[in-house]
N, C-alpha and C. Protein backbone atom coordinates (compact mmCIF):
# COMPACT_ATOMS: atom_id res chain seq x y z
N MET A 1 0.83 -1.19 0.00
CA MET A 1 0.00 0.00 0.00
C MET A 1 0.87 1.26 0.00
N ILE A 2 1.89 1.28 0.82
CA ILE A 2 2.78 2.43 0.87
C ILE A 2 3.50 2.60 -0.47
N LYS A 3 3.81 1.48 -1.09
CA LYS A 3 4.50 1.54 -2.39
C LYS A 3 3.61 2.21 -3.43
N LYS A 4 2.31 1.91 -3.42
CA LYS A 4 1.38 2.54 -4.36
C LYS A 4 1.29 4.04 -4.10
N VAL A 5 1.21 4.42 -2.83
CA VAL A 5 1.13 5.84 -2.47
C VAL A 5 2.40 6.56 -2.91
N LEU A 6 3.54 5.95 -2.67
CA LEU A 6 4.81 6.55 -3.06
C LEU A 6 4.90 6.69 -4.59
N THR A 7 4.46 5.66 -5.31
CA THR A 7 4.48 5.71 -6.77
C THR A 7 3.59 6.83 -7.28
N ARG A 8 2.39 6.96 -6.72
CA ARG A 8 1.47 8.03 -7.14
C ARG A 8 2.02 9.41 -6.79
N ALA A 9 2.66 9.52 -5.63
CA ALA A 9 3.23 10.81 -5.22
C ALA A 9 4.35 11.22 -6.17
N ILE A 10 5.21 10.27 -6.52
CA ILE A 10 6.31 10.58 -7.44
C ILE A 10 5.76 10.95 -8.81
N SER A 11 4.75 10.21 -9.28
CA SER A 11 4.14 10.52 -10.57
C SER A 11 3.51 11.91 -10.56
N GLY A 12 2.83 12.24 -9.47
CA GLY A 12 2.23 13.57 -9.34
C GLY A 12 3.26 14.67 -9.33
N LEU A 13 4.37 14.44 -8.67
CA LEU A 13 5.45 15.43 -8.62
C LEU A 13 6.06 15.64 -10.00
N ILE A 14 6.27 14.55 -10.72
CA ILE A 14 6.80 14.65 -12.09
C ILE A 14 5.82 15.43 -12.98
N PHE A 15 4.53 15.11 -12.87
CA PHE A 15 3.52 15.81 -13.66
C PHE A 15 3.50 17.30 -13.31
N LEU A 16 3.60 17.61 -12.03
CA LEU A 16 3.63 19.01 -11.60
C LEU A 16 4.82 19.75 -12.19
N ILE A 17 5.98 19.13 -12.19
CA ILE A 17 7.18 19.75 -12.76
C ILE A 17 7.00 19.97 -14.26
N VAL A 18 6.43 18.98 -14.95
CA VAL A 18 6.21 19.11 -16.40
C VAL A 18 5.22 20.25 -16.69
N VAL A 19 4.14 20.35 -15.91
CA VAL A 19 3.15 21.40 -16.14
C VAL A 19 3.75 22.78 -15.86
N ILE A 20 4.48 22.91 -14.79
CA ILE A 20 5.11 24.20 -14.49
C ILE A 20 6.12 24.56 -15.57
N GLY A 21 6.88 23.57 -16.04
CA GLY A 21 7.82 23.82 -17.14
C GLY A 21 7.09 24.27 -18.40
N ALA A 22 5.95 23.64 -18.69
CA ALA A 22 5.18 24.01 -19.87
C ALA A 22 4.63 25.43 -19.76
N ILE A 23 4.25 25.82 -18.56
CA ILE A 23 3.75 27.18 -18.36
C ILE A 23 4.85 28.18 -18.69
N PHE A 24 6.06 27.90 -18.25
CA PHE A 24 7.17 28.82 -18.51
C PHE A 24 7.65 28.77 -19.97
N LEU A 25 7.47 27.62 -20.63
CA LEU A 25 7.92 27.51 -22.02
C LEU A 25 6.97 28.17 -23.01
N GLY A 26 5.71 28.37 -22.63
CA GLY A 26 4.80 29.08 -23.52
C GLY A 26 3.52 28.31 -23.82
N GLU A 27 2.76 28.88 -24.74
CA GLU A 27 1.43 28.36 -25.04
C GLU A 27 1.45 26.99 -25.72
N ILE A 28 2.34 26.80 -26.67
CA ILE A 28 2.34 25.56 -27.45
C ILE A 28 2.70 24.35 -26.59
N PRO A 29 3.78 24.37 -25.79
CA PRO A 29 4.04 23.21 -24.94
C PRO A 29 2.91 22.94 -23.95
N TYR A 30 2.33 24.00 -23.40
CA TYR A 30 1.20 23.85 -22.47
C TYR A 30 0.02 23.19 -23.18
N PHE A 31 -0.28 23.65 -24.38
CA PHE A 31 -1.36 23.08 -25.18
C PHE A 31 -1.11 21.61 -25.47
N LEU A 32 0.11 21.26 -25.87
CA LEU A 32 0.43 19.88 -26.22
C LEU A 32 0.37 18.95 -25.02
N ILE A 33 0.82 19.41 -23.87
CA ILE A 33 0.76 18.57 -22.67
C ILE A 33 -0.69 18.28 -22.31
N PHE A 34 -1.54 19.29 -22.35
CA PHE A 34 -2.92 19.05 -21.96
C PHE A 34 -3.71 18.34 -23.05
N LEU A 35 -3.29 18.43 -24.28
CA LEU A 35 -3.88 17.59 -25.33
C LEU A 35 -3.56 16.12 -25.03
N PHE A 36 -2.31 15.86 -24.67
CA PHE A 36 -1.90 14.51 -24.30
C PHE A 36 -2.69 14.02 -23.08
N VAL A 37 -2.83 14.87 -22.06
CA VAL A 37 -3.58 14.50 -20.86
C VAL A 37 -5.03 14.21 -21.20
N THR A 38 -5.63 15.03 -22.06
CA THR A 38 -7.01 14.82 -22.47
C THR A 38 -7.20 13.47 -23.14
N VAL A 39 -6.34 13.16 -24.08
CA VAL A 39 -6.45 11.89 -24.81
C VAL A 39 -6.20 10.71 -23.87
N MET A 40 -5.23 10.82 -22.97
CA MET A 40 -4.96 9.73 -22.05
C MET A 40 -6.10 9.53 -21.05
N CYS A 41 -6.72 10.60 -20.61
CA CYS A 41 -7.88 10.48 -19.72
C CYS A 41 -9.03 9.79 -20.44
N LEU A 42 -9.24 10.12 -21.68
CA LEU A 42 -10.27 9.45 -22.46
C LEU A 42 -9.95 7.97 -22.64
N PHE A 43 -8.68 7.66 -22.87
CA PHE A 43 -8.26 6.27 -23.00
C PHE A 43 -8.59 5.49 -21.72
N GLU A 44 -8.27 6.07 -20.57
CA GLU A 44 -8.56 5.42 -19.29
C GLU A 44 -10.07 5.27 -19.08
N PHE A 45 -10.83 6.29 -19.48
CA PHE A 45 -12.28 6.23 -19.36
C PHE A 45 -12.85 5.09 -20.18
N TYR A 46 -12.43 4.97 -21.43
CA TYR A 46 -12.95 3.91 -22.29
C TYR A 46 -12.47 2.53 -21.82
N ARG A 47 -11.28 2.47 -21.26
CA ARG A 47 -10.80 1.20 -20.72
C ARG A 47 -11.63 0.78 -19.50
N ALA A 48 -12.01 1.75 -18.66
CA ALA A 48 -12.86 1.45 -17.51
C ALA A 48 -14.23 0.99 -17.97
N LEU A 49 -14.76 1.60 -19.03
CA LEU A 49 -16.04 1.15 -19.57
C LEU A 49 -15.95 -0.29 -20.06
N ASN A 50 -14.88 -0.61 -20.75
CA ASN A 50 -14.69 -1.98 -21.24
C ASN A 50 -14.57 -2.98 -20.09
N ASN A 51 -13.98 -2.55 -18.98
CA ASN A 51 -13.82 -3.44 -17.83
C ASN A 51 -15.15 -3.80 -17.18
N ILE A 52 -16.14 -2.93 -17.30
CA ILE A 52 -17.45 -3.25 -16.72
C ILE A 52 -18.42 -3.79 -17.76
N GLY A 53 -17.92 -4.04 -18.96
CA GLY A 53 -18.72 -4.71 -19.98
C GLY A 53 -19.41 -3.81 -20.98
N ILE A 54 -19.12 -2.54 -20.95
CA ILE A 54 -19.69 -1.62 -21.93
C ILE A 54 -18.69 -1.44 -23.06
N LEU A 55 -19.08 -1.89 -24.25
CA LEU A 55 -18.17 -1.77 -25.39
C LEU A 55 -18.33 -0.38 -26.01
N ALA A 56 -17.27 0.36 -25.99
CA ALA A 56 -17.27 1.71 -26.53
C ALA A 56 -16.22 1.81 -27.63
N LYS A 57 -16.43 2.72 -28.52
CA LYS A 57 -15.47 2.96 -29.61
C LYS A 57 -14.37 3.87 -29.08
N LYS A 58 -13.22 3.29 -28.74
CA LYS A 58 -12.12 4.06 -28.16
C LYS A 58 -11.56 5.10 -29.11
N VAL A 59 -11.17 4.66 -30.28
CA VAL A 59 -10.45 5.55 -31.20
C VAL A 59 -11.33 6.73 -31.63
N PRO A 60 -12.57 6.51 -32.09
CA PRO A 60 -13.38 7.68 -32.45
C PRO A 60 -13.62 8.62 -31.27
N GLY A 61 -13.84 8.04 -30.09
CA GLY A 61 -14.06 8.88 -28.91
C GLY A 61 -12.84 9.70 -28.56
N MET A 62 -11.66 9.09 -28.64
CA MET A 62 -10.43 9.81 -28.32
C MET A 62 -10.14 10.88 -29.37
N VAL A 63 -10.41 10.58 -30.65
CA VAL A 63 -10.18 11.56 -31.71
C VAL A 63 -11.13 12.74 -31.56
N ILE A 64 -12.41 12.44 -31.30
CA ILE A 64 -13.39 13.53 -31.15
C ILE A 64 -13.07 14.36 -29.91
N GLY A 65 -12.67 13.70 -28.82
CA GLY A 65 -12.28 14.44 -27.61
C GLY A 65 -11.07 15.32 -27.85
N GLY A 66 -10.07 14.78 -28.55
CA GLY A 66 -8.87 15.57 -28.86
C GLY A 66 -9.19 16.75 -29.77
N LEU A 67 -10.03 16.50 -30.77
CA LEU A 67 -10.42 17.60 -31.66
C LEU A 67 -11.23 18.66 -30.94
N THR A 68 -12.08 18.23 -30.02
CA THR A 68 -12.85 19.20 -29.22
C THR A 68 -11.91 20.08 -28.41
N TYR A 69 -10.90 19.47 -27.81
CA TYR A 69 -9.92 20.24 -27.05
C TYR A 69 -9.18 21.23 -27.95
N ILE A 70 -8.80 20.77 -29.13
CA ILE A 70 -8.09 21.64 -30.07
C ILE A 70 -8.96 22.83 -30.46
N VAL A 71 -10.21 22.56 -30.80
CA VAL A 71 -11.11 23.65 -31.24
C VAL A 71 -11.36 24.62 -30.09
N MET A 72 -11.59 24.10 -28.89
CA MET A 72 -11.84 25.00 -27.76
C MET A 72 -10.59 25.79 -27.38
N SER A 73 -9.43 25.20 -27.54
CA SER A 73 -8.18 25.91 -27.23
C SER A 73 -7.83 26.93 -28.30
N PHE A 74 -8.35 26.75 -29.49
CA PHE A 74 -8.05 27.67 -30.58
C PHE A 74 -8.48 29.09 -30.23
N GLY A 75 -9.56 29.22 -29.48
CA GLY A 75 -10.03 30.54 -29.05
C GLY A 75 -9.03 31.23 -28.15
N CYS A 76 -8.26 30.45 -27.39
CA CYS A 76 -7.25 31.04 -26.50
C CYS A 76 -6.06 31.58 -27.30
N PHE A 77 -5.73 30.88 -28.39
CA PHE A 77 -4.60 31.30 -29.21
C PHE A 77 -4.98 32.44 -30.15
N CYS A 78 -6.21 32.42 -30.64
CA CYS A 78 -6.68 33.42 -31.59
C CYS A 78 -8.03 33.95 -31.12
N PRO A 79 -8.07 34.86 -30.13
CA PRO A 79 -9.34 35.31 -29.57
C PRO A 79 -10.29 35.93 -30.59
N LYS A 80 -9.77 36.48 -31.68
CA LYS A 80 -10.67 37.10 -32.65
C LYS A 80 -11.55 36.06 -33.33
N TYR A 81 -11.13 34.78 -33.34
CA TYR A 81 -11.94 33.72 -33.93
C TYR A 81 -12.91 33.09 -32.95
N LEU A 82 -12.82 33.48 -31.67
CA LEU A 82 -13.68 32.92 -30.64
C LEU A 82 -15.15 33.25 -30.93
N VAL A 83 -15.39 34.36 -31.57
CA VAL A 83 -16.76 34.78 -31.88
C VAL A 83 -17.40 33.78 -32.84
N LEU A 84 -16.63 33.13 -33.67
CA LEU A 84 -17.17 32.20 -34.66
C LEU A 84 -17.65 30.90 -34.03
N MET A 85 -17.22 30.59 -32.81
CA MET A 85 -17.59 29.31 -32.19
C MET A 85 -18.94 29.38 -31.55
């Protein structure tokens, strides 16, 4: 049990360092890290659904989720296009 807690704490610390680094590096690294996080969270979600017997389309769901993140983030990079959404 302690080993799991230690593993999660180290993983969280590494993620925190990566996020802070991305903040200092600029918009694009920050965007890419959270795009990766979004897709991985969706992967875990679909895997959990499969574990309880619900068959879901992983790839289309992850692609649509990633594209949704890209489109919603586009307004942050180009605010003048936010009106079009």
